[in-house]
C-alpha cells in the first residue's frame, strides 16, 4: 500500500524523504486525519500531497543539502536516518 523513499534532487540540492502511497486515497485520508499528531510527534512540517488526479499520494519533507560536498555527507545521512525513524514511529499506528 505504501513505502518510504529517499531521493536526492541534485538540480535543486535537496534531499527528500517521503511516504509514497501507491493507490489508496482512503489510507492517505486516514493518515491526513492525524496530521497534527504526526507533525507534533516528529517535529516536522510535512508537505501533504493527495494528488487527486492521480492514483498515488505523497507525504514528504525536503532538506536543503550540498550534495556534492563529501564533507557534509555524514550530516546528510544523519538527517536521513533521523527523519526516517521519526516517520516510522509516527506513521506506523495509522498504516
Protein backbone atom coordinates (compact mmCIF):
# COMPACT_ATOMS: atom_id res chain seq x y z
CA UNK A 1 0.00 0.00 0.00
CA UNK A 2 2.85 2.41 0.76
CA UNK A 3 6.58 2.72 1.17
CA UNK A 4 9.16 5.20 2.39
CA UNK A 5 11.73 6.56 -0.01
CA UNK A 6 14.66 8.95 -0.03
CA UNK A 7 15.62 10.96 -3.10
CA UNK A 8 18.47 13.25 -3.98
CA UNK A 9 17.45 16.09 -6.26
CA UNK A 10 20.83 17.31 -7.43
CA UNK A 11 19.48 20.11 -9.61
CA UNK A 12 17.92 21.71 -6.50
CA UNK A 13 20.45 20.46 -3.91
CA UNK A 14 17.72 18.74 -1.89
CA UNK A 15 17.14 15.53 -0.02
CA UNK A 16 13.53 14.35 0.02
CA UNK A 17 12.10 11.85 2.50
CA UNK A 18 8.60 10.68 1.66
CA UNK A 19 5.83 8.27 2.43
CA UNK A 20 4.56 7.20 -1.00
CA UNK A 21 1.06 5.74 -1.09
CA UNK A 22 0.63 3.89 -4.39
CA UNK A 23 -3.12 3.63 -4.87
CA UNK A 24 -5.08 4.13 -1.66
CA UNK A 25 -6.73 7.52 -1.13
CA UNK A 26 -8.50 6.13 1.94
CA UNK A 27 -5.13 5.41 3.57
CA UNK A 28 -3.95 8.92 2.71
CA UNK A 29 -7.07 10.41 4.32
CA UNK A 30 -6.68 8.23 7.40
CA UNK A 31 -3.11 9.42 7.86
CA UNK A 32 -4.00 13.01 6.98
CA UNK A 33 -6.71 12.99 9.68
CA UNK A 34 -3.85 12.52 12.18
CA UNK A 35 -1.68 15.23 10.62
CA UNK A 36 -1.50 17.36 13.76
CA UNK A 37 -0.38 14.45 15.98
CA UNK A 38 2.13 13.22 13.38
CA UNK A 39 3.72 16.63 12.88
CA UNK A 40 3.81 17.29 16.62
CA UNK A 41 5.42 13.91 17.34
CA UNK A 42 8.04 14.21 14.61
CA UNK A 43 8.66 17.94 14.86
CA UNK A 44 8.41 18.00 11.05
CA UNK A 45 6.03 20.08 8.94
CA UNK A 46 5.22 17.70 6.10
CA UNK A 47 4.03 18.56 2.61
CA UNK A 48 0.77 16.58 2.26
CA UNK A 49 0.04 15.85 -1.41
CA UNK A 50 -3.17 13.97 -2.07
CA UNK A 51 -2.74 14.34 -5.87
CA UNK A 52 -6.47 13.92 -6.59
CA UNK A 53 -5.98 13.44 -10.34
CA UNK A 54 -3.54 10.57 -9.81
CA UNK A 55 -3.61 7.19 -8.11
CA UNK A 56 -0.70 7.94 -5.81
CA UNK A 57 -0.43 10.30 -2.84
CA UNK A 58 2.68 11.58 -1.10
CA UNK A 59 3.66 12.90 2.29
CA UNK A 60 7.12 14.43 2.18
CA UNK A 61 9.70 16.69 3.72
CA UNK A 62 12.57 18.43 1.95
CA UNK A 63 16.03 19.22 3.29
CA UNK A 64 18.45 21.61 1.56
CA UNK A 65 21.86 19.96 1.20
CA UNK A 66 25.16 20.47 -0.55
CA UNK A 67 25.11 17.09 -2.24
CA UNK A 68 28.49 17.37 -3.94
CA UNK A 69 30.35 18.29 -0.73
CA UNK A 70 31.59 14.96 0.64
CA UNK A 71 32.48 16.57 3.96
CA UNK A 72 28.75 17.13 4.55
CA UNK A 73 27.62 13.62 3.60
CA UNK A 74 27.74 12.31 7.18
CA UNK A 75 25.41 15.07 8.36
CA UNK A 76 23.11 14.38 5.41
CA UNK A 77 22.96 10.65 6.23
CA UNK A 78 22.29 11.54 9.87
CA UNK A 79 19.36 13.70 8.73
CA UNK A 80 18.00 10.85 6.59
CA UNK A 81 18.22 8.31 9.41
CA UNK A 82 16.68 10.71 11.94
CA UNK A 83 13.76 11.61 9.67
CA UNK A 84 13.05 8.01 8.62
CA UNK A 85 12.99 6.81 12.23
CA UNK A 86 10.62 9.64 13.18
CA UNK A 87 8.39 8.84 10.20
CA UNK A 88 8.35 5.13 11.04
CA UNK A 89 7.31 5.78 14.61
CA UNK A 90 4.69 8.44 13.79
CA UNK A 91 3.04 6.83 10.74
CA UNK A 92 3.09 3.20 11.85
CA UNK A 93 -0.05 3.34 14.07
CA UNK A 94 -2.14 4.53 11.10
CA UNK A 95 -0.85 2.19 8.40
